[in-house]
Amino acid sequence: MQGIVIPISMVPGNSIIHRMNPLPKLAWSLGILALAFATRNPAVLGAAFFIGLILVLVAQVGKAYLKVVMILFPISLTLITLQSIAPAFPPPWTPIVGFGPFTIYQEGIYSGISMLLRIFSMTTWAMVTIMTSHPSDIFTSLKRIGMPYSLNFILVMTLQLIPILQSEFGIVLNAQKSRAMKGTGFGAILPSMVPVFVGAIERVQQLSISLESRAFGSTGQKTSYRQVRMTFWDIALLVIGVLVTGSTTYWVIVDRTLDWSDTLVFHPVFAISLVIFATLGFLTFFVLALRQVLKA
């Protein structure tokens, strides 16, 4: 495994979503987050996920997004397998069909699908926001709406340090490989952690000196190198995002008919096929990862 690089950083581009102010994107993402946790309805979660996929295509960040999905999807498949035989619902459970020594339950399939869609709806919207927004633009925009300077700085530095540490992991792994040490596989990750974290500590020390030299924490007006404009359309999208996600969240909370766990019936063939697919998908991922470890 040549480094585990998850693209949690901005992807350069000039799409309409890249040109948007970060605040509307943050508002929509937080609204989808609240909506995802407020409902188990697969139709609502699926709609949020589908709209997020459209934004991925419009923003032209599909390649970076797929790298995240390729890591999350096999792991998320375990939710369907585990939930199908042990639902996160209070008993009694409604059995669908026997599956070897286990029983697949109606509530388990419903819960597994809902959890899978919840994860991917939240992840998709969050990735669109992160991959199309420069960290400094997020910092400047949040500062304008009154977010405390220290909390703002912590948020932005987290977004900036993650890709830096990932890049340093890759550099250390290449250095190990050039010295006839393990450069791939999980066996190479452990010895590379020491120099990476030592470098991270040194980076933090340099950052603290830099912040002190720039009077971090002092009172007065703060300035930013990057200037972010808030256009009429940005304000409109911000207001629409708050209204749409807020009203939808309220709707799914008060409307009990949206809980389909008692009315949505899954066919036994569909239930078995889904569980087999989820189980085989995770086992395939596990075997491939294990082969990487043994090869190293």
Protein backbone atom coordinates (compact mmCIF):
# COMPACT_ATOMS: atom_id res chain seq x y z
CA MET A 1 0.00 0.00 0.00
CA GLN A 2 1.79 3.04 -1.24
CA GLY A 3 0.54 5.43 1.40
CA ILE A 4 -3.07 5.80 2.43
CA VAL A 5 -4.00 9.11 0.83
CA ILE A 6 -7.56 10.27 1.28
CA PRO A 7 -8.16 13.52 -0.63
CA ILE A 8 -9.57 15.63 2.22
CA SER A 9 -8.49 18.90 0.65
CA MET A 10 -9.49 21.32 -2.06
CA VAL A 11 -9.45 20.08 -5.65
CA PRO A 12 -8.53 22.99 -7.95
CA GLY A 13 -11.24 23.89 -10.43
CA ASN A 14 -13.34 26.66 -11.90
CA SER A 15 -16.82 25.17 -11.68
CA ILE A 16 -19.82 27.15 -10.53
CA ILE A 17 -19.57 25.43 -7.15
CA HIS A 18 -15.89 26.36 -6.81
CA ARG A 19 -16.81 30.00 -7.40
CA MET A 20 -19.50 30.01 -4.73
CA ASN A 21 -18.91 31.54 -1.33
CA PRO A 22 -18.15 28.81 1.26
CA LEU A 23 -21.00 29.88 3.56
CA PRO A 24 -23.89 28.57 1.40
CA LYS A 25 -22.04 25.28 0.95
CA LEU A 26 -21.46 25.00 4.69
CA ALA A 27 -25.12 25.80 5.38
CA TRP A 28 -26.33 23.09 3.00
CA SER A 29 -23.85 20.54 4.36
CA LEU A 30 -24.82 21.18 7.98
CA GLY A 31 -28.49 21.06 6.99
CA ILE A 32 -28.02 17.69 5.28
CA LEU A 33 -26.16 16.49 8.37
CA ALA A 34 -29.10 17.40 10.60
CA LEU A 35 -31.57 15.90 8.12
CA ALA A 36 -29.63 12.64 7.85
CA PHE A 37 -29.68 12.13 11.61
CA ALA A 38 -33.35 13.11 11.87
CA THR A 39 -34.76 10.39 9.61
CA ARG A 40 -34.41 6.73 8.67
CA ASN A 41 -36.52 7.07 5.56
CA PRO A 42 -34.47 5.59 2.68
CA ALA A 43 -36.26 7.74 0.09
CA VAL A 44 -35.32 11.01 1.81
CA LEU A 45 -31.75 9.86 2.44
CA GLY A 46 -31.46 8.52 -1.11
CA ALA A 47 -32.68 11.84 -2.54
CA ALA A 48 -30.08 13.75 -0.52
CA PHE A 49 -27.38 11.34 -1.70
CA PHE A 50 -28.49 11.60 -5.35
CA ILE A 51 -28.48 15.41 -5.29
CA GLY A 52 -25.01 15.29 -3.73
CA LEU A 53 -23.81 13.08 -6.59
CA ILE A 54 -25.11 15.63 -9.08
CA LEU A 55 -23.08 18.32 -7.31
CA VAL A 56 -20.00 16.07 -7.50
CA LEU A 57 -20.43 15.89 -11.27
CA VAL A 58 -21.08 19.63 -11.62
CA ALA A 59 -18.01 20.43 -9.49
CA GLN A 60 -15.92 17.94 -11.53
CA VAL A 61 -14.39 16.37 -8.41
CA GLY A 62 -15.51 12.84 -9.23
CA LYS A 63 -12.04 11.31 -9.31
CA ALA A 64 -11.13 12.57 -5.84
CA TYR A 65 -14.59 11.70 -4.52
CA LEU A 66 -14.28 8.12 -5.77
CA LYS A 67 -11.07 7.68 -3.77
CA VAL A 68 -13.05 8.41 -0.62
CA VAL A 69 -15.92 6.15 -1.69
CA MET A 70 -13.56 3.25 -2.48
CA ILE A 71 -12.45 3.32 1.15
CA LEU A 72 -15.82 3.92 2.80
CA PHE A 73 -18.03 1.67 0.67
CA PRO A 74 -16.55 -1.77 1.53
CA ILE A 75 -16.46 -0.90 5.21
CA SER A 76 -20.02 0.47 5.11
CA LEU A 77 -21.27 -2.79 3.59
CA THR A 78 -20.76 -4.44 6.96
CA LEU A 79 -23.64 -2.33 8.27
CA ILE A 80 -26.08 -4.20 6.06
CA THR A 81 -24.75 -7.60 7.09
CA LEU A 82 -24.67 -6.85 10.80
CA GLN A 83 -27.96 -4.96 10.89
CA SER A 84 -29.78 -7.69 8.95
CA ILE A 85 -29.15 -10.24 11.69
CA ALA A 86 -29.10 -7.85 14.68
CA PRO A 87 -31.28 -4.81 13.91
CA ALA A 88 -30.84 -1.51 15.74
CA PHE A 89 -34.55 -1.62 16.55
CA PRO A 90 -36.28 -2.67 19.77
CA PRO A 91 -37.62 -6.24 19.51
CA PRO A 92 -39.76 -8.03 18.51
CA TRP A 93 -38.29 -8.22 15.00
CA THR A 94 -40.05 -9.44 11.89
CA PRO A 95 -38.18 -12.34 10.26
CA ILE A 96 -37.91 -12.43 6.47
CA VAL A 97 -35.97 -15.62 5.77
CA GLY A 98 -33.41 -17.90 7.34
CA PHE A 99 -29.81 -17.50 6.20
CA GLY A 100 -27.72 -20.41 7.45
CA PRO A 101 -27.60 -20.26 11.25
CA PHE A 102 -28.90 -16.67 11.16
CA THR A 103 -32.23 -15.03 10.49
CA ILE A 104 -32.59 -11.96 8.29
CA TYR A 105 -35.02 -9.47 9.77
CA GLN A 106 -37.21 -6.87 8.13
CA GLU A 107 -36.08 -4.13 10.50
CA GLY A 108 -32.43 -5.07 9.96
CA ILE A 109 -32.54 -4.65 6.18
CA TYR A 110 -34.37 -1.35 6.61
CA SER A 111 -31.87 -0.12 9.20
CA GLY A 112 -28.83 -1.25 7.19
CA ILE A 113 -29.97 0.50 4.01
CA SER A 114 -30.84 3.65 5.97
CA MET A 115 -27.46 3.76 7.71
CA LEU A 116 -25.61 3.22 4.43
CA LEU A 117 -27.51 6.04 2.72
CA ARG A 118 -27.06 8.26 5.77
CA ILE A 119 -23.28 7.85 5.69
CA PHE A 120 -23.00 8.52 1.98
CA SER A 121 -25.41 11.46 1.91
CA MET A 122 -23.47 13.24 4.66
CA THR A 123 -20.08 12.30 3.20
CA THR A 124 -21.01 13.41 -0.31
CA TRP A 125 -22.18 16.87 0.71
CA ALA A 126 -19.23 17.35 3.09
CA MET A 127 -16.73 16.30 0.41
CA VAL A 128 -18.26 18.68 -2.13
CA THR A 129 -17.87 21.53 0.36
CA ILE A 130 -14.28 20.67 1.29
CA MET A 131 -13.13 19.86 -2.25
CA THR A 132 -14.48 23.08 -3.73
CA SER A 133 -13.56 25.55 -0.97
CA HIS A 134 -10.13 26.98 -0.23
CA PRO A 135 -9.37 26.75 3.52
CA SER A 136 -8.50 30.45 3.65
CA ASP A 137 -11.84 31.30 2.05
CA ILE A 138 -13.63 29.25 4.71
CA PHE A 139 -11.63 31.06 7.40
CA THR A 140 -12.45 34.50 6.00
CA SER A 141 -16.13 33.72 5.49
CA LEU A 142 -16.62 32.32 9.00
CA LYS A 143 -14.79 35.31 10.48
CA ARG A 144 -17.23 37.64 8.78
CA ILE A 145 -20.23 36.02 10.45
CA GLY A 146 -18.64 36.31 13.89
CA MET A 147 -17.12 32.89 14.51
CA PRO A 148 -14.47 33.15 17.28
CA TYR A 149 -11.02 33.63 15.80
CA SER A 150 -9.42 30.75 17.73
CA LEU A 151 -12.10 28.19 16.79
CA ASN A 152 -11.96 29.39 13.21
CA PHE A 153 -8.20 28.91 13.13
CA ILE A 154 -8.45 25.39 14.59
CA LEU A 155 -10.98 24.36 11.94
CA VAL A 156 -8.96 25.70 9.01
CA MET A 157 -5.62 24.35 10.26
CA THR A 158 -7.18 20.90 10.58
CA LEU A 159 -8.22 21.00 6.93
CA GLN A 160 -4.73 22.13 5.91
CA LEU A 161 -2.66 19.78 8.08
CA ILE A 162 -4.40 16.54 7.07
CA PRO A 163 -3.19 16.60 3.43
CA ILE A 164 0.25 17.78 4.59
CA LEU A 165 0.61 14.81 6.93
CA GLN A 166 -0.61 12.46 4.21
CA SER A 167 2.01 13.85 1.84
CA GLU A 168 4.72 13.41 4.46
CA PHE A 169 3.66 9.79 4.96
CA GLY A 170 4.19 9.24 1.24
CA ILE A 171 7.64 10.87 1.37
CA VAL A 172 8.74 8.73 4.33
CA LEU A 173 7.44 5.55 2.68
CA ASN A 174 9.39 6.36 -0.49
CA ALA A 175 12.50 7.03 1.61
CA GLN A 176 12.10 3.67 3.35
CA LYS A 177 11.72 1.93 0.02
CA SER A 178 14.88 3.54 -1.36
CA ARG A 179 16.79 2.16 1.64
CA ALA A 180 15.63 -1.42 1.00
CA MET A 181 13.04 -1.20 3.79
CA LYS A 182 9.38 -1.91 3.49
CA GLY A 183 7.77 0.79 1.39
CA THR A 184 4.35 -0.77 0.89
CA GLY A 185 1.75 -2.54 3.00
CA PHE A 186 0.60 -1.96 6.54
CA GLY A 187 3.95 -3.24 7.78
CA ALA A 188 5.57 -0.10 6.40
CA ILE A 189 3.13 2.25 8.10
CA LEU A 190 4.25 1.60 11.69
CA PRO A 191 7.96 2.54 11.33
CA SER A 192 7.00 5.58 9.24
CA MET A 193 4.81 6.99 12.01
CA VAL A 194 7.77 8.05 14.17
CA PRO A 195 9.40 10.43 11.67
CA VAL A 196 6.03 11.73 10.53
CA PHE A 197 4.89 12.61 14.04
CA VAL A 198 8.28 14.05 14.94
CA GLY A 199 7.96 16.24 11.86
CA ALA A 200 4.42 17.15 12.90
CA ILE A 201 5.64 18.28 16.33
CA GLU A 202 8.37 20.38 14.71
CA ARG A 203 5.79 21.86 12.36
CA VAL A 204 3.58 22.81 15.30
CA GLN A 205 6.53 24.47 17.03
CA GLN A 206 7.30 26.47 13.90
CA LEU A 207 3.64 27.37 13.59
CA SER A 208 3.48 28.61 17.19
CA ILE A 209 6.51 30.84 16.60
CA SER A 210 4.95 32.13 13.41
CA LEU A 211 1.68 32.89 15.20
CA GLU A 212 3.46 34.74 18.00
CA SER A 213 5.43 36.81 15.51
CA ARG A 214 2.15 37.81 13.88
CA ALA A 215 0.48 38.72 17.21
CA PHE A 216 -2.04 35.91 17.14
CA GLY A 217 -4.78 36.50 19.71
CA SER A 218 -4.37 40.25 19.82
CA THR A 219 -7.37 42.51 19.55
CA GLY A 220 -8.16 44.56 16.50
CA GLN A 221 -9.30 44.02 12.95
CA LYS A 222 -7.94 40.87 11.31
CA THR A 223 -7.09 40.89 7.62
CA SER A 224 -6.82 38.10 5.07
CA TYR A 225 -4.70 37.69 1.97
CA ARG A 226 -7.64 36.17 0.08
CA GLN A 227 -10.75 38.28 -0.37
CA VAL A 228 -14.09 36.47 -0.54
CA ARG A 229 -17.15 38.17 -1.98
CA MET A 230 -20.70 37.44 -0.90
CA THR A 231 -22.89 37.96 -3.96
CA PHE A 232 -26.66 38.17 -4.14
CA TRP A 233 -26.84 34.58 -5.39
CA ASP A 234 -24.66 33.39 -2.51
CA ILE A 235 -27.03 35.03 -0.03
CA ALA A 236 -30.03 33.55 -1.84
CA LEU A 237 -28.53 30.05 -1.81
CA LEU A 238 -27.65 30.44 1.87
CA VAL A 239 -31.22 31.43 2.78
CA ILE A 240 -32.70 28.70 0.56
CA GLY A 241 -30.37 26.11 2.10
CA VAL A 242 -31.39 27.01 5.65
CA LEU A 243 -35.10 27.07 4.77
CA VAL A 244 -35.12 23.87 2.70
CA THR A 245 -33.02 21.72 5.01
CA GLY A 246 -34.63 23.19 8.14
CA SER A 247 -38.21 22.68 6.93
CA THR A 248 -37.42 19.20 5.60
CA THR A 249 -35.82 18.21 8.89
CA TYR A 250 -38.88 19.46 10.77
CA TRP A 251 -41.14 17.57 8.36
CA VAL A 252 -39.39 14.22 8.77
CA ILE A 253 -39.46 14.61 12.55
CA VAL A 254 -43.17 15.40 12.93
CA ASP A 255 -44.54 13.22 10.12
CA ARG A 256 -44.60 9.70 11.56
CA THR A 257 -45.80 8.23 8.26
CA LEU A 258 -42.26 8.64 6.92
CA ASP A 259 -41.13 5.79 9.17
CA TRP A 260 -41.50 2.90 6.73
CA SER A 261 -39.94 0.28 8.99
CA ASP A 262 -43.36 -1.27 9.69
CA THR A 263 -44.83 -0.91 6.20
CA LEU A 264 -41.97 -1.49 3.77
CA VAL A 265 -41.75 -5.22 3.10
CA PHE A 266 -38.61 -6.70 1.54
CA HIS A 267 -38.86 -9.81 -0.62
CA PRO A 268 -36.81 -12.77 0.67
CA VAL A 269 -34.85 -12.99 -2.61
CA PHE A 270 -33.94 -9.31 -2.36
CA ALA A 271 -32.97 -9.64 1.31
CA ILE A 272 -30.71 -12.67 0.74
CA SER A 273 -29.14 -11.14 -2.39
CA LEU A 274 -28.41 -7.90 -0.54
CA VAL A 275 -26.83 -9.65 2.43
CA ILE A 276 -24.72 -11.91 0.18
CA PHE A 277 -23.54 -8.92 -1.89
CA ALA A 278 -22.66 -6.92 1.21
CA THR A 279 -20.82 -9.82 2.83
CA LEU A 280 -18.88 -10.76 -0.31
CA GLY A 281 -18.03 -7.12 -0.95
CA PHE A 282 -16.50 -6.67 2.49
CA LEU A 283 -14.70 -10.04 2.38
CA THR A 284 -13.20 -9.15 -1.01
CA PHE A 285 -11.93 -5.87 0.38
CA PHE A 286 -10.56 -7.66 3.45
CA VAL A 287 -8.77 -10.32 1.38
CA LEU A 288 -7.21 -7.72 -0.93
CA ALA A 289 -6.00 -5.72 2.06
CA LEU A 290 -4.61 -8.87 3.69
CA ARG A 291 -2.75 -9.78 0.47
CA GLN A 292 -1.16 -6.36 0.49
CA VAL A 293 0.03 -6.94 4.04
CA LEU A 294 1.44 -10.40 3.27
CA LYS A 295 3.08 -9.15 0.07
CA ALA A 296 4.85 -6.46 2.06
